[in-house]
N, C-alpha and C. Protein backbone atom coordinates (compact mmCIF):
# COMPACT_ATOMS: atom_id res chain seq x y z
N MET A 1 157.03 84.41 -65.88
CA MET A 1 156.42 85.67 -65.52
C MET A 1 156.13 85.65 -64.01
N GLU A 2 156.41 86.75 -63.36
CA GLU A 2 156.18 86.88 -61.93
C GLU A 2 154.69 86.74 -61.62
N LYS A 3 154.37 86.12 -60.47
CA LYS A 3 152.98 85.84 -60.14
C LYS A 3 152.13 87.11 -60.07
N LYS A 4 152.65 88.20 -59.49
CA LYS A 4 151.91 89.46 -59.41
C LYS A 4 151.59 89.99 -60.80
N GLU A 5 152.55 89.95 -61.70
CA GLU A 5 152.34 90.42 -63.06
C GLU A 5 151.31 89.56 -63.78
N GLU A 6 151.37 88.26 -63.56
CA GLU A 6 150.42 87.36 -64.18
C GLU A 6 149.00 87.67 -63.71
N LEU A 7 148.82 87.96 -62.44
CA LEU A 7 147.51 88.33 -61.90
C LEU A 7 147.00 89.61 -62.55
N LYS A 8 147.89 90.58 -62.76
CA LYS A 8 147.50 91.84 -63.40
C LYS A 8 147.02 91.58 -64.83
N PHE A 9 147.77 90.77 -65.58
CA PHE A 9 147.40 90.48 -66.96
C PHE A 9 146.09 89.69 -67.03
N ARG A 10 145.91 88.75 -66.10
CA ARG A 10 144.66 87.98 -66.07
C ARG A 10 143.47 88.89 -65.77
N HIS A 11 143.67 89.85 -64.86
CA HIS A 11 142.60 90.79 -64.53
C HIS A 11 142.23 91.64 -65.75
N ILE A 12 143.23 92.11 -66.47
CA ILE A 12 143.00 92.93 -67.67
C ILE A 12 142.25 92.10 -68.73
N LEU A 13 142.70 90.89 -68.98
CA LEU A 13 142.04 90.03 -69.97
C LEU A 13 140.60 89.72 -69.56
N SER A 14 140.38 89.46 -68.29
CA SER A 14 139.04 89.18 -67.80
C SER A 14 138.13 90.40 -67.98
N SER A 15 138.67 91.58 -67.71
CA SER A 15 137.91 92.82 -67.89
C SER A 15 137.50 92.99 -69.34
N LEU A 16 138.40 92.69 -70.26
CA LEU A 16 138.11 92.82 -71.68
C LEU A 16 137.09 91.78 -72.15
N GLU A 17 137.20 90.56 -71.66
CA GLU A 17 136.29 89.50 -72.08
C GLU A 17 134.86 89.77 -71.61
N ASP A 18 134.71 90.37 -70.44
CA ASP A 18 133.38 90.63 -69.88
C ASP A 18 132.73 91.89 -70.43
N LEU A 19 133.47 92.69 -71.16
CA LEU A 19 133.01 93.99 -71.60
C LEU A 19 132.37 93.92 -72.99
N GLN A 20 131.14 94.45 -73.10
CA GLN A 20 130.50 94.49 -74.41
C GLN A 20 130.64 95.88 -75.01
N TYR A 21 130.36 96.92 -74.23
CA TYR A 21 130.54 98.31 -74.65
C TYR A 21 131.23 99.04 -73.51
N GLY A 22 132.29 99.74 -73.79
CA GLY A 22 132.97 100.50 -72.75
C GLY A 22 134.45 100.60 -73.01
N SER A 23 135.21 100.79 -71.93
CA SER A 23 136.65 100.93 -72.08
C SER A 23 137.38 100.39 -70.86
N VAL A 24 138.63 99.99 -71.10
CA VAL A 24 139.53 99.56 -70.04
C VAL A 24 140.74 100.48 -70.12
N ILE A 25 141.02 101.17 -69.03
CA ILE A 25 142.16 102.09 -68.99
C ILE A 25 143.21 101.51 -68.05
N ILE A 26 144.42 101.35 -68.57
CA ILE A 26 145.53 100.79 -67.79
C ILE A 26 146.49 101.93 -67.47
N THR A 27 146.72 102.16 -66.19
CA THR A 27 147.63 103.22 -65.75
C THR A 27 148.97 102.60 -65.39
N VAL A 28 150.05 103.18 -65.92
CA VAL A 28 151.40 102.67 -65.70
C VAL A 28 152.25 103.77 -65.09
N HIS A 29 152.98 103.45 -64.02
CA HIS A 29 153.93 104.37 -63.40
C HIS A 29 155.28 103.66 -63.31
N ASP A 30 156.30 104.31 -63.80
CA ASP A 30 157.66 103.74 -63.77
C ASP A 30 157.73 102.33 -64.33
N GLY A 31 156.97 102.09 -65.42
CA GLY A 31 157.01 100.80 -66.08
C GLY A 31 156.19 99.71 -65.42
N GLU A 32 155.44 100.04 -64.38
CA GLU A 32 154.62 99.07 -63.66
C GLU A 32 153.15 99.40 -63.79
N ILE A 33 152.31 98.40 -63.99
CA ILE A 33 150.87 98.61 -64.00
C ILE A 33 150.44 98.90 -62.57
N THR A 34 149.83 100.06 -62.38
CA THR A 34 149.42 100.45 -61.03
C THR A 34 147.91 100.50 -60.86
N GLN A 35 147.18 100.58 -61.96
CA GLN A 35 145.73 100.74 -61.84
C GLN A 35 145.05 100.29 -63.12
N VAL A 36 143.86 99.69 -62.97
CA VAL A 36 143.04 99.31 -64.11
C VAL A 36 141.63 99.83 -63.84
N ASP A 37 141.13 100.70 -64.73
CA ASP A 37 139.78 101.24 -64.62
C ASP A 37 138.94 100.67 -65.75
N THR A 38 137.74 100.21 -65.40
CA THR A 38 136.82 99.70 -66.40
C THR A 38 135.56 100.55 -66.37
N THR A 39 135.18 101.07 -67.53
CA THR A 39 133.94 101.82 -67.66
C THR A 39 133.04 101.02 -68.59
N GLU A 40 131.89 100.65 -68.08
CA GLU A 40 130.98 99.84 -68.88
C GLU A 40 129.74 100.65 -69.22
N LYS A 41 129.31 100.54 -70.45
CA LYS A 41 128.11 101.21 -70.91
C LYS A 41 127.04 100.16 -71.17
N LYS A 42 125.86 100.42 -70.72
CA LYS A 42 124.73 99.53 -70.99
C LYS A 42 123.88 100.18 -72.06
N ARG A 43 123.60 99.46 -73.10
CA ARG A 43 122.79 99.98 -74.20
C ARG A 43 121.43 99.31 -74.17
N PHE A 44 120.38 100.11 -74.28
CA PHE A 44 119.01 99.61 -74.29
C PHE A 44 118.36 100.00 -75.60
N PRO A 45 117.56 99.12 -76.17
CA PRO A 45 116.89 99.46 -77.44
C PRO A 45 115.90 100.60 -77.23
N VAL A 46 115.81 101.47 -78.22
CA VAL A 46 114.88 102.58 -78.17
C VAL A 46 113.54 102.10 -78.72
N VAL A 47 112.48 102.36 -77.95
CA VAL A 47 111.14 101.99 -78.37
C VAL A 47 110.45 103.27 -78.81
N LYS A 48 110.20 103.39 -80.12
CA LYS A 48 109.59 104.61 -80.65
C LYS A 48 108.11 104.65 -80.34
N GLY A 49 107.60 105.86 -80.09
CA GLY A 49 106.19 106.04 -79.83
C GLY A 49 105.82 105.88 -78.36
N ARG A 50 106.77 105.57 -77.52
CA ARG A 50 106.50 105.44 -76.10
C ARG A 50 107.35 106.45 -75.35
N SER A 51 106.74 107.11 -74.41
CA SER A 51 107.51 108.02 -73.58
C SER A 51 107.42 107.54 -72.14
N VAL A 52 108.49 107.73 -71.42
CA VAL A 52 108.52 107.33 -70.02
C VAL A 52 108.37 108.57 -69.19
N LYS A 53 107.38 108.58 -68.33
CA LYS A 53 107.14 109.73 -67.47
C LYS A 53 107.91 109.55 -66.17
N THR A 54 108.53 110.64 -65.73
CA THR A 54 109.25 110.61 -64.47
C THR A 54 108.46 111.40 -63.44
N LYS A 55 108.60 111.03 -62.21
CA LYS A 55 107.87 111.71 -61.13
C LYS A 55 108.57 112.97 -60.71
């Protein structure tokens, strides 16, 4: 496998391994990976009976 392609695959795998909630979008143009977008969501437990006041 070409070194550039190997780096792309390693980046994608690393993005997936580090992700708990979210998505990884791989953009391909003319059969080549051109972009990788990672959207991560952070989930926090809901504490009932408490409200947070904002200024």
